[in-house]
Amino acid sequence: MTYATLDLLTNRVGEAMLIALTDRGEVPLGVVDTDVLGRALADADAIIDGYLAARYVLPLVSTPALIADVAQAITLWKLHVTTPDDKVKADYDAAMRTLRDIAQGIIRIPDATPSGAGGVQFIDRERPFTPENMTGFI
Protein backbone atom coordinates (compact mmCIF):
# COMPACT_ATOMS: atom_id res chain seq x y z
CA MET A 1 0.00 0.00 0.00
CA THR A 2 1.44 3.36 -1.00
CA TYR A 3 0.60 6.53 0.89
CA ALA A 4 -0.09 8.48 -2.32
CA THR A 5 -1.79 7.30 -5.49
CA LEU A 6 -1.97 8.27 -9.14
CA ASP A 7 -5.45 9.69 -8.55
CA LEU A 8 -4.30 11.88 -5.65
CA LEU A 9 -1.35 13.19 -7.65
CA THR A 10 -3.55 13.83 -10.69
CA ASN A 11 -5.94 15.84 -8.53
CA ARG A 12 -3.02 17.78 -7.06
CA VAL A 13 -1.04 18.74 -10.19
CA GLY A 14 -3.01 17.50 -13.17
CA GLU A 15 -2.40 14.76 -15.68
CA ALA A 16 -0.38 16.99 -18.03
CA MET A 17 2.19 17.69 -15.30
CA LEU A 18 2.48 13.99 -14.42
CA ILE A 19 2.99 13.11 -18.08
CA ALA A 20 5.70 15.76 -18.34
CA LEU A 21 7.45 14.39 -15.24
CA THR A 22 7.20 10.66 -16.03
CA ASP A 23 7.21 10.25 -19.82
CA ARG A 24 10.99 9.92 -20.20
CA GLY A 25 11.29 7.59 -23.16
CA GLU A 26 13.22 8.47 -26.33
CA VAL A 27 9.89 8.56 -28.10
CA PRO A 28 7.33 10.25 -25.81
CA LEU A 29 4.11 8.27 -25.53
CA GLY A 30 1.98 11.04 -24.05
CA VAL A 31 0.86 8.99 -21.04
CA VAL A 32 1.92 8.70 -17.40
CA ASP A 33 4.73 6.15 -17.11
CA THR A 34 3.53 4.05 -14.19
CA ASP A 35 6.96 2.48 -13.70
CA VAL A 36 8.61 5.87 -13.15
CA LEU A 37 5.75 6.99 -10.94
CA GLY A 38 5.84 3.73 -8.98
CA ARG A 39 9.53 4.18 -8.23
CA ALA A 40 8.97 7.74 -6.97
CA LEU A 41 6.04 6.57 -4.83
CA ALA A 42 8.15 3.75 -3.36
CA ASP A 43 10.98 6.18 -2.57
CA ALA A 44 8.54 8.54 -0.83
CA ASP A 45 7.06 5.66 1.17
CA ALA A 46 10.53 4.56 2.29
CA ILE A 47 11.36 8.06 3.55
CA ILE A 48 8.03 8.34 5.37
CA ASP A 49 8.36 4.88 6.93
CA GLY A 50 11.82 5.78 8.17
CA TYR A 51 10.40 8.68 10.15
CA LEU A 52 7.17 6.96 11.25
CA ALA A 53 8.97 3.87 12.54
CA ALA A 54 10.39 5.95 15.39
CA ARG A 55 6.88 6.37 16.82
CA TYR A 56 4.37 4.02 15.21
CA VAL A 57 3.86 0.37 14.36
CA LEU A 58 4.08 -0.10 10.60
CA PRO A 59 2.33 -0.61 8.29
CA LEU A 60 -0.38 1.88 9.21
CA VAL A 61 -3.89 0.46 9.12
CA SER A 62 -5.09 3.36 6.98
CA THR A 63 -3.44 6.37 5.37
CA PRO A 64 -4.19 9.60 7.24
CA ALA A 65 -4.71 12.71 5.09
CA LEU A 66 -1.57 14.31 6.55
CA ILE A 67 0.61 11.38 5.47
CA ALA A 68 -0.99 11.29 2.01
CA ASP A 69 -0.20 14.99 1.58
CA VAL A 70 3.39 14.48 2.71
CA ALA A 71 3.75 11.52 0.33
CA GLN A 72 2.48 13.56 -2.60
CA ALA A 73 4.92 16.40 -1.91
CA ILE A 74 7.88 14.03 -1.65
CA THR A 75 6.82 12.08 -4.75
CA LEU A 76 6.59 15.25 -6.84
CA TRP A 77 10.04 16.28 -5.62
CA LYS A 78 11.44 12.87 -6.54
CA LEU A 79 9.90 12.99 -10.04
CA HIS A 80 11.82 16.13 -11.01
CA VAL A 81 15.04 15.39 -12.87
CA THR A 82 15.91 19.08 -13.06
CA THR A 83 15.60 21.81 -10.45
CA PRO A 84 11.93 22.01 -9.46
CA ASP A 85 10.05 25.28 -9.16
CA ASP A 86 9.81 27.10 -5.83
CA LYS A 87 6.37 25.69 -4.97
CA VAL A 88 7.52 22.07 -5.29
CA LYS A 89 10.63 22.83 -3.20
CA ALA A 90 8.59 24.62 -0.52
CA ASP A 91 6.12 21.73 -0.34
CA TYR A 92 8.98 19.22 -0.06
CA ASP A 93 10.67 21.23 2.70
CA ALA A 94 7.36 21.49 4.59
CA ALA A 95 6.81 17.73 4.21
CA MET A 96 10.23 16.96 5.64
CA ARG A 97 9.63 19.32 8.59
CA THR A 98 6.33 17.55 9.22
CA LEU A 99 8.05 14.16 9.24
CA ARG A 100 10.69 15.42 11.69
CA ASP A 101 7.91 16.74 13.95
CA ILE A 102 6.13 13.37 13.80
CA ALA A 103 9.34 11.53 14.68
CA GLN A 104 9.91 13.87 17.65
CA GLY A 105 6.33 13.45 18.87
CA ILE A 106 5.34 17.07 18.24
CA ILE A 107 2.71 15.97 15.71
CA ARG A 108 0.73 12.83 16.47
CA ILE A 109 -1.09 10.64 13.98
CA PRO A 110 -4.57 9.76 15.21
CA ASP A 111 -5.63 6.11 15.08
CA ALA A 112 -2.03 4.92 14.59
CA THR A 113 -0.62 2.37 17.03
CA PRO A 114 2.34 3.76 18.99
CA SER A 115 5.44 1.61 18.81
CA GLY A 116 6.45 2.24 22.40
CA ALA A 117 9.96 3.03 21.19
CA GLY A 118 9.81 6.65 22.32
CA GLY A 119 9.70 6.11 26.08
CA VAL A 120 12.37 5.33 28.60
CA GLN A 121 12.55 1.77 29.88
CA PHE A 122 14.34 0.66 33.01
CA ILE A 123 15.55 -2.90 33.17
CA ASP A 124 17.30 -3.89 36.36
CA ARG A 125 19.21 -7.06 37.01
CA GLU A 126 18.03 -9.64 39.51
CA ARG A 127 18.86 -8.62 43.04
CA PRO A 128 21.65 -10.86 44.43
CA PHE A 129 20.84 -10.21 48.10
CA THR A 130 17.33 -11.03 49.26
CA PRO A 131 16.00 -11.90 52.71
CA GLU A 132 15.77 -15.56 51.63
CA ASN A 133 19.43 -15.96 50.64
CA MET A 134 20.67 -13.80 53.54
CA THR A 135 19.19 -16.07 56.21
CA GLY A 136 21.54 -16.16 59.17
CA PHE A 137 23.27 -12.91 58.21
CA ILE A 138 20.43 -10.55 59.10
Foldseek 3Di string as FASTA:
>chain_A
DFLEDPVNLCVVPNFQVQLVLAQDDPDGPSGRDVVLLVVLRVVLRVVLCVLQVLWFDPDWPDRDPLSRQLSSLSSVVVSDPDDDDPVSVVSNVVSVVVSNCCSVVVDDDPPTHTPPNPDDDDDDDDDPDDCVVCPPVD
